[in-house]
């Protein structure tokens, strides 16, 4: 099984990166798993912004590389923080690129027909607010954006939010890492 694993955080020492690394290590320990790691901020200068000029995008090396990586994947892992009530812009940009080739239009009011083989995804979202506050008062916009995008692409997402990410105790962090391990193991099951 081939897993495309993305992280969208600019600081190497962030909790987002720590959780991402833990997820990668967990997945690599599973039998018959290959993990293809993509750190979006490490590649930031190479990522083209969306352009309605399809020929321009298709000629771009990052676009071509990610098309190949995405189309080879069986599963998807995305780890990202909430920035200003949304996903990091770099993740949204990546989704814009993927949406250029990952599905086929079936007609008005019809769901997209996937052209890829990814059936499941695990998306882990970190927020500085408590999970309940983010859900109740803010409406979970970053989580919803990722969830709805994946569903549109025909991918069944499992969503996990780590709230209070800047003030977790060691015990809370240990519990979150255990949750991540469990969710990663579930990701590779059929």
Protein backbone atom coordinates (compact mmCIF):
# COMPACT_ATOMS: atom_id res chain seq x y z
CA UNK A 1 0.00 0.00 0.00
CA UNK A 2 1.29 3.42 -0.97
CA UNK A 3 0.45 6.36 1.29
CA UNK A 4 0.92 9.97 0.23
CA UNK A 5 1.62 11.90 3.44
CA UNK A 6 1.42 15.72 3.45
CA UNK A 7 2.28 18.20 6.14
CA UNK A 8 1.55 21.92 5.97
CA UNK A 9 3.45 23.78 8.69
CA UNK A 10 6.38 26.14 8.28
CA UNK A 11 8.18 25.46 11.58
CA UNK A 12 10.29 22.29 11.84
CA UNK A 13 9.89 22.18 15.63
CA UNK A 14 6.10 22.59 15.66
CA UNK A 15 3.72 20.14 17.30
CA UNK A 16 2.17 19.68 13.86
CA UNK A 17 5.50 18.35 12.54
CA UNK A 18 5.98 16.19 15.65
CA UNK A 19 2.57 14.57 15.18
CA UNK A 20 3.24 14.17 11.46
CA UNK A 21 6.57 12.44 12.14
CA UNK A 22 4.91 10.13 14.66
CA UNK A 23 2.26 9.23 12.09
CA UNK A 24 4.94 8.55 9.45
CA UNK A 25 6.89 6.31 11.83
CA UNK A 26 3.71 4.40 12.70
CA UNK A 27 2.82 3.87 9.04
CA UNK A 28 6.36 2.78 8.10
CA UNK A 29 6.21 0.07 10.77
CA UNK A 30 3.17 -1.50 9.12
CA UNK A 31 3.82 -4.36 6.72
CA UNK A 32 3.59 -3.65 3.00
CA UNK A 33 3.38 0.14 3.48
CA UNK A 34 5.33 2.67 1.48
CA UNK A 35 5.10 6.26 2.66
CA UNK A 36 5.67 9.10 0.20
CA UNK A 37 6.33 12.23 2.27
CA UNK A 38 5.54 15.73 1.00
CA UNK A 39 6.36 18.72 3.20
CA UNK A 40 4.61 21.56 1.42
CA UNK A 41 6.66 24.31 3.05
CA UNK A 42 9.92 22.66 2.02
CA UNK A 43 8.68 22.91 -1.56
CA UNK A 44 6.94 26.30 -1.24
CA UNK A 45 9.00 28.08 -3.89
CA UNK A 46 8.12 25.38 -6.44
CA UNK A 47 4.34 25.35 -5.99
CA UNK A 48 2.40 27.21 -8.66
CA UNK A 49 -0.70 29.12 -7.72
CA UNK A 50 -3.85 27.94 -9.41
CA UNK A 51 -4.29 29.28 -12.90
CA UNK A 52 -7.26 28.72 -15.18
CA UNK A 53 -4.71 28.32 -17.99
CA UNK A 54 -4.57 24.53 -17.90
CA UNK A 55 -1.62 24.35 -20.30
CA UNK A 56 0.39 26.58 -17.96
CA UNK A 57 -0.31 24.28 -14.98
CA UNK A 58 0.31 21.08 -16.90
CA UNK A 59 3.72 22.37 -18.02
CA UNK A 60 4.75 23.07 -14.43
CA UNK A 61 7.15 20.44 -12.91
CA UNK A 62 5.56 20.52 -9.43
CA UNK A 63 2.13 19.94 -10.95
CA UNK A 64 3.37 16.96 -12.96
CA UNK A 65 5.26 15.49 -10.01
CA UNK A 66 2.25 15.74 -7.70
CA UNK A 67 -0.11 14.37 -10.30
CA UNK A 68 2.10 11.28 -10.52
CA UNK A 69 2.44 10.97 -6.72
CA UNK A 70 -1.29 11.41 -6.11
CA UNK A 71 -2.36 8.99 -8.84
CA UNK A 72 -0.01 6.28 -7.47
CA UNK A 73 -1.29 6.60 -3.90
CA UNK A 74 -3.74 4.23 -2.22
CA UNK A 75 -4.25 6.34 0.91
CA UNK A 76 -3.73 9.94 1.95
CA UNK A 77 -2.48 11.46 5.22
CA UNK A 78 -2.73 15.22 5.76
CA UNK A 79 -1.53 17.00 8.91
CA UNK A 80 -2.12 20.74 9.18
CA UNK A 81 -2.81 23.57 11.63
CA UNK A 82 -5.71 25.99 11.49
CA UNK A 83 -4.50 29.41 10.35
CA UNK A 84 -6.99 32.26 10.67
CA UNK A 85 -10.09 30.03 10.59
CA UNK A 86 -8.91 28.05 7.58
CA UNK A 87 -6.28 25.69 6.25
CA UNK A 88 -2.82 27.08 5.50
CA UNK A 89 -2.93 28.72 2.07
CA UNK A 90 -0.24 26.36 0.82
CA UNK A 91 -2.53 23.36 1.48
CA UNK A 92 -5.42 25.06 -0.31
CA UNK A 93 -3.08 25.69 -3.25
CA UNK A 94 -2.15 21.98 -3.31
CA UNK A 95 -5.83 21.01 -3.31
CA UNK A 96 -6.39 23.41 -6.23
CA UNK A 97 -3.69 21.58 -8.20
CA UNK A 98 -5.03 18.12 -7.34
CA UNK A 99 -8.53 19.11 -8.39
CA UNK A 100 -7.26 19.69 -11.93
CA UNK A 101 -6.79 15.97 -12.63
CA UNK A 102 -8.23 13.83 -9.82
CA UNK A 103 -11.84 13.65 -10.99
CA UNK A 104 -14.11 13.80 -14.01
CA UNK A 105 -17.26 15.89 -14.28
CA UNK A 106 -20.35 13.67 -14.54
CA UNK A 107 -22.95 16.33 -15.12
CA UNK A 108 -25.06 18.87 -13.32
CA UNK A 109 -25.88 17.88 -9.73
CA UNK A 110 -23.83 14.69 -9.99
CA UNK A 111 -20.92 13.81 -7.74
CA UNK A 112 -17.45 13.88 -9.22
CA UNK A 113 -16.16 10.62 -10.67
CA UNK A 114 -12.72 9.90 -9.16
CA UNK A 115 -9.86 9.17 -11.56
CA UNK A 116 -7.53 8.11 -8.73
CA UNK A 117 -7.50 5.03 -6.50
CA UNK A 118 -7.44 6.69 -3.05
CA UNK A 119 -10.39 5.43 -1.02
CA UNK A 120 -9.49 6.65 2.46
CA UNK A 121 -7.70 9.58 4.04
CA UNK A 122 -6.70 10.63 7.53
CA UNK A 123 -6.66 14.37 8.12
CA UNK A 124 -5.25 15.63 11.43
CA UNK A 125 -5.95 19.25 12.24
CA UNK A 126 -4.30 21.16 15.10
CA UNK A 127 -5.94 24.19 16.68
CA UNK A 128 -4.89 26.47 19.51
CA UNK A 129 -8.48 26.68 20.73
CA UNK A 130 -10.26 23.82 22.49
CA UNK A 131 -11.96 21.41 20.07
CA UNK A 132 -15.41 22.25 21.48
CA UNK A 133 -14.86 25.99 21.04
CA UNK A 134 -13.67 25.57 17.48
CA UNK A 135 -16.73 23.47 16.68
CA UNK A 136 -19.37 25.44 18.59
CA UNK A 137 -18.35 29.06 18.00
CA UNK A 138 -16.27 28.96 14.84
CA UNK A 139 -17.96 26.13 12.95
CA UNK A 140 -14.73 24.21 12.31
CA UNK A 141 -14.02 25.89 8.94
CA UNK A 142 -10.56 24.38 8.30
CA UNK A 143 -11.71 20.88 9.14
CA UNK A 144 -14.83 21.29 6.99
CA UNK A 145 -12.84 22.61 4.04
CA UNK A 146 -10.56 19.56 4.01
CA UNK A 147 -13.38 17.11 4.71
CA UNK A 148 -15.63 18.46 1.94
CA UNK A 149 -12.78 18.64 -0.57
CA UNK A 150 -11.83 15.03 0.09
CA UNK A 151 -15.45 13.89 -0.11
CA UNK A 152 -15.85 15.74 -3.43
CA UNK A 153 -12.83 13.81 -4.71
CA UNK A 154 -14.50 10.53 -3.72
CA UNK A 155 -12.25 9.95 -0.71
CA UNK A 156 -13.68 8.89 2.64
CA UNK A 157 -11.94 11.07 5.23
CA UNK A 158 -11.35 10.33 8.87
CA UNK A 159 -10.98 13.69 10.59
CA UNK A 160 -9.12 14.16 13.87
CA UNK A 161 -8.62 17.46 15.67
CA UNK A 162 -6.00 18.15 18.31
CA UNK A 163 -7.37 21.09 20.28
CA UNK A 164 -5.43 23.27 22.74
CA UNK A 165 -2.33 22.35 20.75
CA UNK A 166 -0.16 25.05 22.33
CA UNK A 167 -0.94 24.02 25.90
CA UNK A 168 -1.05 20.22 25.95
CA UNK A 169 0.41 18.56 29.00
CA UNK A 170 2.78 15.61 28.48
CA UNK A 171 -0.04 13.25 29.47
CA UNK A 172 -2.41 14.85 26.94
CA UNK A 173 0.26 14.76 24.24
CA UNK A 174 0.95 11.09 24.93
CA UNK A 175 -2.77 10.35 24.58
CA UNK A 176 -2.91 12.29 21.29
CA UNK A 177 0.06 10.36 19.92
CA UNK A 178 -1.66 7.10 20.89
CA UNK A 179 -4.78 8.28 19.05
CA UNK A 180 -2.66 9.07 15.98
CA UNK A 181 -1.13 5.57 16.06
CA UNK A 182 -4.58 3.98 16.24
CA UNK A 183 -5.92 6.17 13.41
CA UNK A 184 -2.90 5.41 11.20
CA UNK A 185 -3.37 1.68 11.68
CA UNK A 186 -7.07 2.05 10.77
CA UNK A 187 -6.11 4.05 7.66
CA UNK A 188 -4.40 1.11 6.04
CA UNK A 189 -7.22 -1.35 6.70
CA UNK A 190 -9.61 -2.01 3.81
